[in-house]
Amino acid sequence: MPCFEVNTKLGEAMINGLCGPVQVNNFLSALDIKEVHLENLKLMENWAGEFIEAVAKESAKDAGQEKMASETSSL
């Protein structure tokens, strides 16, 4: 799936804002913008979720390594 910045931001907004595809389409309708198919919105949300999870795992790994290095250097 190609990464377009707007898709990633929309998927992340659905995850962090705790709103789903229906709320997004309601918002788009209020702005008089064509709605996005629910399946496509879920794909965006899933892709963004996978990306966020990968970044979180890498960050946790780095933090763990830094903590281990600081603990062993104080010995």
Protein backbone atom coordinates (compact mmCIF):
# COMPACT_ATOMS: atom_id res chain seq x y z
CA MET A 1 0.00 0.00 0.00
CA PRO A 2 1.57 3.31 -0.98
CA CYS A 3 2.13 5.83 1.76
CA PHE A 4 0.51 9.18 1.24
CA GLU A 5 0.95 11.63 4.07
CA VAL A 6 -2.73 12.53 4.23
CA ASN A 7 -3.73 8.85 4.50
CA THR A 8 -1.26 8.25 7.30
CA LYS A 9 -2.42 11.33 9.19
CA LEU A 10 -6.07 10.37 8.76
CA GLY A 11 -5.39 6.82 9.95
CA GLU A 12 -3.46 8.13 12.94
CA ALA A 13 -6.25 10.59 13.75
CA MET A 14 -8.77 7.75 13.77
CA ILE A 15 -6.56 5.82 16.20
CA ASN A 16 -5.65 8.69 18.54
CA GLY A 17 -8.95 10.51 18.35
CA LEU A 18 -10.87 7.32 19.14
CA CYS A 19 -13.19 8.00 16.25
CA GLY A 20 -13.92 5.58 13.48
CA PRO A 21 -14.62 5.72 9.79
CA VAL A 22 -18.24 6.76 10.28
CA GLN A 23 -17.23 9.84 12.28
CA VAL A 24 -14.62 10.71 9.64
CA ASN A 25 -17.21 10.49 6.88
CA ASN A 26 -19.62 12.62 8.94
CA PHE A 27 -16.90 15.24 9.28
CA LEU A 28 -16.13 15.13 5.55
CA SER A 29 -19.84 15.46 4.75
CA ALA A 30 -20.07 18.52 6.99
CA LEU A 31 -17.25 20.07 4.94
CA ASP A 32 -19.07 19.12 1.72
CA ILE A 33 -16.27 16.75 0.73
CA LYS A 34 -16.95 13.40 -0.91
CA GLU A 35 -17.02 10.55 1.58
CA VAL A 36 -14.36 7.83 1.60
CA HIS A 37 -15.41 4.19 1.43
CA LEU A 38 -15.38 2.60 4.90
CA GLU A 39 -13.09 -0.22 3.75
CA ASN A 40 -10.49 2.29 2.52
CA LEU A 41 -10.64 4.18 5.81
CA LYS A 42 -10.06 0.96 7.74
CA LEU A 43 -7.07 0.18 5.51
CA MET A 44 -5.61 3.61 6.31
CA GLU A 45 -6.21 3.08 10.01
CA ASN A 46 -4.62 -0.38 9.97
CA TRP A 47 -1.58 0.80 8.02
CA ALA A 48 -1.05 3.74 10.36
CA GLY A 49 -1.50 1.45 13.36
CA GLU A 50 1.17 -0.93 12.09
CA PHE A 51 3.55 1.98 11.51
CA ILE A 52 2.90 3.47 14.96
CA GLU A 53 3.40 0.05 16.57
CA ALA A 54 6.73 -0.44 14.75
CA VAL A 55 7.97 2.98 15.87
CA ALA A 56 6.87 2.30 19.46
CA LYS A 57 8.67 -1.07 19.52
CA GLU A 58 11.87 0.49 18.16
CA SER A 59 11.66 3.31 20.70
CA ALA A 60 11.14 0.86 23.57
CA LYS A 61 14.08 -1.23 22.36
CA ASP A 62 16.32 1.85 22.22
CA ALA A 63 15.21 2.98 25.67
CA GLY A 64 15.88 -0.49 27.07
CA GLN A 65 19.36 -0.54 25.58
CA GLU A 66 20.13 2.92 26.97
CA LYS A 67 18.89 1.89 30.43
CA MET A 68 20.96 -1.29 30.32
CA ALA A 69 24.04 0.68 29.27
CA SER A 70 23.56 3.19 32.09
CA GLU A 71 23.04 0.41 34.63
CA THR A 72 26.16 -1.49 33.55
CA SER A 73 28.32 1.64 33.38
CA SER A 74 27.57 2.48 37.02
CA LEU A 75 28.94 -0.90 38.20
